[in-house]
Amino acid sequence: MNRAPIVRFMDKIYFIVGVLLLISTTYMLGRYPNHLYYKYHVIVVGSLIVIRLVNYKIKRWHYYLFDFCYFANSLIMYFLMFDPKND
């Protein structure tokens, strides 16, 4: 109980990548709010979902991807790519 918890190397990498994604998303949203941000969002979220799909498939947790958050993000990506003028 007196020892510090173990912080793995991959946890440090995930933290750094998360902070860099937060900074880059904020920059893209502030600098290019109307035309490049949507393409950036589709690329980032699409790649994160694919990485999560592969990781969950290996661990046999792939049914967690039927959660509402993944469905909503996939729906947002669909509308941004194929039907951006639909209100």
N, C-alpha and C. Protein backbone atom coordinates (compact mmCIF):
# COMPACT_ATOMS: atom_id res chain seq x y z
N MET A 1 0.81 -1.20 0.00
CA MET A 1 0.00 0.00 0.00
C MET A 1 0.86 1.26 0.00
N ASN A 2 2.08 1.18 0.47
CA ASN A 2 2.91 2.38 0.53
C ASN A 2 3.66 2.66 -0.76
N ARG A 3 3.69 1.70 -1.67
CA ARG A 3 4.41 1.90 -2.92
C ARG A 3 3.54 2.64 -3.94
N ALA A 4 4.20 3.33 -4.83
CA ALA A 4 3.48 4.04 -5.89
C ALA A 4 2.97 3.05 -6.92
N PRO A 5 1.87 3.33 -7.57
CA PRO A 5 1.38 2.42 -8.62
C PRO A 5 2.33 2.42 -9.81
N ILE A 6 2.34 1.32 -10.51
CA ILE A 6 3.22 1.16 -11.66
C ILE A 6 2.62 1.90 -12.85
N VAL A 7 3.42 2.74 -13.46
CA VAL A 7 3.00 3.43 -14.67
C VAL A 7 3.78 2.81 -15.82
N ARG A 8 3.04 2.14 -16.70
CA ARG A 8 3.69 1.46 -17.81
C ARG A 8 4.13 2.45 -18.87
N PHE A 9 5.06 2.03 -19.70
CA PHE A 9 5.57 2.86 -20.79
C PHE A 9 4.47 3.20 -21.77
N MET A 10 3.62 2.24 -22.09
CA MET A 10 2.53 2.49 -23.04
C MET A 10 1.52 3.49 -22.49
N ASP A 11 1.31 3.51 -21.17
CA ASP A 11 0.42 4.52 -20.59
C ASP A 11 0.98 5.91 -20.82
N LYS A 12 2.29 6.06 -20.72
CA LYS A 12 2.91 7.36 -20.98
C LYS A 12 2.77 7.75 -22.44
N ILE A 13 2.93 6.79 -23.34
CA ILE A 13 2.77 7.06 -24.77
C ILE A 13 1.33 7.46 -25.08
N TYR A 14 0.36 6.73 -24.53
CA TYR A 14 -1.05 7.05 -24.76
C TYR A 14 -1.38 8.45 -24.24
N PHE A 15 -0.82 8.82 -23.11
CA PHE A 15 -1.06 10.15 -22.55
C PHE A 15 -0.50 11.23 -23.48
N ILE A 16 0.72 11.03 -23.96
CA ILE A 16 1.35 12.01 -24.86
C ILE A 16 0.55 12.14 -26.15
N VAL A 17 0.13 11.01 -26.73
CA VAL A 17 -0.66 11.04 -27.97
C VAL A 17 -2.00 11.72 -27.73
N GLY A 18 -2.63 11.47 -26.58
CA GLY A 18 -3.90 12.11 -26.27
C GLY A 18 -3.77 13.62 -26.14
N VAL A 19 -2.71 14.08 -25.48
CA VAL A 19 -2.49 15.51 -25.34
C VAL A 19 -2.20 16.14 -26.70
N LEU A 20 -1.40 15.46 -27.54
CA LEU A 20 -1.12 15.98 -28.88
C LEU A 20 -2.37 16.03 -29.74
N LEU A 21 -3.25 15.03 -29.60
CA LEU A 21 -4.52 15.05 -30.34
C LEU A 21 -5.41 16.20 -29.87
N LEU A 22 -5.41 16.47 -28.57
CA LEU A 22 -6.20 17.58 -28.04
C LEU A 22 -5.68 18.91 -28.58
N ILE A 23 -4.37 19.08 -28.59
CA ILE A 23 -3.78 20.32 -29.09
C ILE A 23 -4.02 20.48 -30.59
N SER A 24 -3.81 19.41 -31.35
CA SER A 24 -4.00 19.51 -32.80
C SER A 24 -5.47 19.71 -33.17
N THR A 25 -6.38 19.09 -32.45
CA THR A 25 -7.81 19.28 -32.72
C THR A 25 -8.23 20.72 -32.41
N THR A 26 -7.74 21.25 -31.31
CA THR A 26 -8.05 22.64 -30.97
C THR A 26 -7.49 23.59 -32.01
N TYR A 27 -6.28 23.34 -32.47
CA TYR A 27 -5.68 24.18 -33.51
C TYR A 27 -6.48 24.11 -34.81
N MET A 28 -6.81 22.90 -35.23
CA MET A 28 -7.56 22.75 -36.49
C MET A 28 -8.94 23.40 -36.40
N LEU A 29 -9.58 23.27 -35.25
CA LEU A 29 -10.91 23.87 -35.08
C LEU A 29 -10.83 25.39 -35.05
N GLY A 30 -9.76 25.93 -34.50
CA GLY A 30 -9.61 27.37 -34.46
C GLY A 30 -9.10 27.97 -35.75
N ARG A 31 -8.20 27.27 -36.44
CA ARG A 31 -7.58 27.82 -37.64
C ARG A 31 -8.41 27.57 -38.90
N TYR A 32 -8.97 26.39 -39.03
CA TYR A 32 -9.73 26.01 -40.23
C TYR A 32 -11.11 25.50 -39.83
N PRO A 33 -11.98 26.35 -39.29
CA PRO A 33 -13.25 25.83 -38.75
C PRO A 33 -14.26 25.37 -39.79
N ASN A 34 -14.18 25.85 -41.02
CA ASN A 34 -15.26 25.57 -41.96
C ASN A 34 -14.93 24.58 -43.06
N HIS A 35 -13.67 24.29 -43.31
CA HIS A 35 -13.41 23.40 -44.44
C HIS A 35 -12.43 22.28 -44.11
N LEU A 36 -11.36 22.52 -43.42
CA LEU A 36 -10.41 21.43 -43.17
C LEU A 36 -10.67 20.64 -41.89
N TYR A 37 -11.38 21.25 -40.95
CA TYR A 37 -11.61 20.54 -39.69
C TYR A 37 -12.41 19.26 -39.88
N TYR A 38 -13.37 19.28 -40.77
CA TYR A 38 -14.23 18.11 -40.97
C TYR A 38 -13.44 16.94 -41.56
N LYS A 39 -12.55 17.24 -42.49
CA LYS A 39 -11.70 16.19 -43.05
C LYS A 39 -10.75 15.64 -41.98
N TYR A 40 -10.20 16.54 -41.17
CA TYR A 40 -9.32 16.13 -40.07
C TYR A 40 -10.08 15.23 -39.09
N HIS A 41 -11.30 15.62 -38.75
CA HIS A 41 -12.11 14.85 -37.81
C HIS A 41 -12.39 13.45 -38.34
N VAL A 42 -12.74 13.34 -39.61
CA VAL A 42 -13.04 12.04 -40.21
C VAL A 42 -11.80 11.16 -40.19
N ILE A 43 -10.64 11.71 -40.51
CA ILE A 43 -9.40 10.93 -40.53
C ILE A 43 -9.03 10.46 -39.12
N VAL A 44 -9.08 11.37 -38.16
CA VAL A 44 -8.66 11.02 -36.79
C VAL A 44 -9.63 10.03 -36.16
N VAL A 45 -10.90 10.32 -36.20
CA VAL A 45 -11.88 9.42 -35.56
C VAL A 45 -11.96 8.09 -36.30
N GLY A 46 -11.86 8.11 -37.63
CA GLY A 46 -11.87 6.84 -38.38
C GLY A 46 -10.68 5.97 -38.02
N SER A 47 -9.50 6.57 -37.92
CA SER A 47 -8.32 5.77 -37.57
C SER A 47 -8.39 5.29 -36.13
N LEU A 48 -8.91 6.09 -35.22
CA LEU A 48 -9.04 5.65 -33.83
C LEU A 48 -10.05 4.51 -33.69
N ILE A 49 -11.13 4.55 -34.46
CA ILE A 49 -12.12 3.47 -34.41
C ILE A 49 -11.53 2.19 -34.98
N VAL A 50 -10.76 2.29 -36.06
CA VAL A 50 -10.14 1.11 -36.65
C VAL A 50 -9.11 0.50 -35.68
N ILE A 51 -8.33 1.35 -35.03
CA ILE A 51 -7.36 0.85 -34.04
C ILE A 51 -8.09 0.17 -32.89
N ARG A 52 -9.17 0.79 -32.42
CA ARG A 52 -9.95 0.19 -31.33
C ARG A 52 -10.59 -1.12 -31.77
N LEU A 53 -11.05 -1.20 -33.02
CA LEU A 53 -11.65 -2.42 -33.55
C LEU A 53 -10.64 -3.56 -33.56
N VAL A 54 -9.44 -3.29 -34.03
CA VAL A 54 -8.40 -4.32 -34.07
C VAL A 54 -8.03 -4.75 -32.66
N ASN A 55 -7.85 -3.76 -31.77
CA ASN A 55 -7.47 -4.08 -30.39
C ASN A 55 -8.55 -4.88 -29.68
N TYR A 56 -9.81 -4.49 -29.87
CA TYR A 56 -10.91 -5.20 -29.22
C TYR A 56 -11.13 -6.58 -29.83
N LYS A 57 -10.88 -6.73 -31.12
CA LYS A 57 -11.05 -8.04 -31.75
C LYS A 57 -10.03 -9.03 -31.20
N ILE A 58 -8.81 -8.55 -30.97
CA ILE A 58 -7.77 -9.42 -30.39
C ILE A 58 -8.17 -9.87 -28.98
N LYS A 59 -8.74 -8.96 -28.20
CA LYS A 59 -9.13 -9.27 -26.82
C LYS A 59 -10.51 -9.91 -26.72
N ARG A 60 -11.19 -10.06 -27.86
CA ARG A 60 -12.56 -10.59 -27.92
C ARG A 60 -13.55 -9.70 -27.18
N TRP A 61 -13.33 -8.39 -27.26
CA TRP A 61 -14.24 -7.42 -26.68
C TRP A 61 -15.00 -6.67 -27.77
N HIS A 62 -15.04 -7.20 -28.99
CA HIS A 62 -15.57 -6.46 -30.13
C HIS A 62 -17.05 -6.10 -30.00
N TYR A 63 -17.79 -6.75 -29.15
CA TYR A 63 -19.19 -6.39 -28.98
C TYR A 63 -19.37 -5.08 -28.22
N TYR A 64 -18.31 -4.59 -27.56
CA TYR A 64 -18.38 -3.28 -26.93
C TYR A 64 -18.49 -2.17 -27.97
N LEU A 65 -18.15 -2.45 -29.20
CA LEU A 65 -18.23 -1.44 -30.25
C LEU A 65 -19.67 -1.17 -30.69
N PHE A 66 -20.63 -1.91 -30.18
CA PHE A 66 -22.04 -1.64 -30.46
C PHE A 66 -22.61 -0.59 -29.51
N ASP A 67 -21.75 0.04 -28.73
CA ASP A 67 -22.15 1.08 -27.81
C ASP A 67 -22.65 2.30 -28.58
N PHE A 68 -23.46 3.14 -27.95
CA PHE A 68 -24.03 4.31 -28.61
C PHE A 68 -22.95 5.28 -29.09
N CYS A 69 -21.88 5.45 -28.34
CA CYS A 69 -20.85 6.43 -28.71
C CYS A 69 -20.20 6.08 -30.05
N TYR A 70 -19.89 4.81 -30.26
CA TYR A 70 -19.28 4.39 -31.52
C TYR A 70 -20.28 4.54 -32.67
N PHE A 71 -21.54 4.22 -32.41
CA PHE A 71 -22.57 4.38 -33.43
C PHE A 71 -22.74 5.85 -33.80
N ALA A 72 -22.77 6.73 -32.80
CA ALA A 72 -22.95 8.16 -33.07
C ALA A 72 -21.75 8.72 -33.82
N ASN A 73 -20.54 8.36 -33.45
CA ASN A 73 -19.36 8.83 -34.18
C ASN A 73 -19.32 8.31 -35.60
N SER A 74 -19.72 7.07 -35.80
CA SER A 74 -19.78 6.53 -37.16
C SER A 74 -20.83 7.26 -37.99
N LEU A 75 -21.96 7.59 -37.38
CA LEU A 75 -23.01 8.33 -38.07
C LEU A 75 -22.53 9.74 -38.42
N ILE A 76 -21.83 10.39 -37.53
CA ILE A 76 -21.28 11.72 -37.81
C ILE A 76 -20.29 11.65 -38.97
N MET A 77 -19.44 10.62 -38.97
CA MET A 77 -18.48 10.47 -40.06
C MET A 77 -19.20 10.24 -41.39
N TYR A 78 -20.27 9.46 -41.37
CA TYR A 78 -21.05 9.24 -42.59
C TYR A 78 -21.60 10.56 -43.13
N PHE A 79 -22.21 11.33 -42.25
CA PHE A 79 -22.80 12.59 -42.71
C PHE A 79 -21.75 13.58 -43.16
N LEU A 80 -20.59 13.61 -42.52
CA LEU A 80 -19.53 14.53 -42.94
C LEU A 80 -18.94 14.14 -44.30
N MET A 81 -18.87 12.84 -44.58
CA MET A 81 -18.25 12.40 -45.83
C MET A 81 -19.24 12.37 -46.99
N PHE A 82 -20.43 11.83 -46.79
CA PHE A 82 -21.32 11.53 -47.90
C PHE A 82 -22.52 12.46 -48.02
N ASP A 83 -22.93 13.11 -46.94
CA ASP A 83 -24.12 13.94 -47.00
C ASP A 83 -23.94 15.19 -46.13
N PRO A 84 -22.96 16.05 -46.45
CA PRO A 84 -22.67 17.18 -45.56
C PRO A 84 -23.71 18.29 -45.58
N LYS A 85 -24.53 18.36 -46.59
CA LYS A 85 -25.54 19.44 -46.66
C LYS A 85 -26.87 19.06 -46.02
N ASN A 86 -27.00 17.83 -45.52
CA ASN A 86 -28.24 17.39 -44.91
C ASN A 86 -28.36 17.96 -43.48
N ASP A 87 -29.43 18.67 -43.22
CA ASP A 87 -29.64 19.24 -41.90
C ASP A 87 -30.22 18.20 -40.95
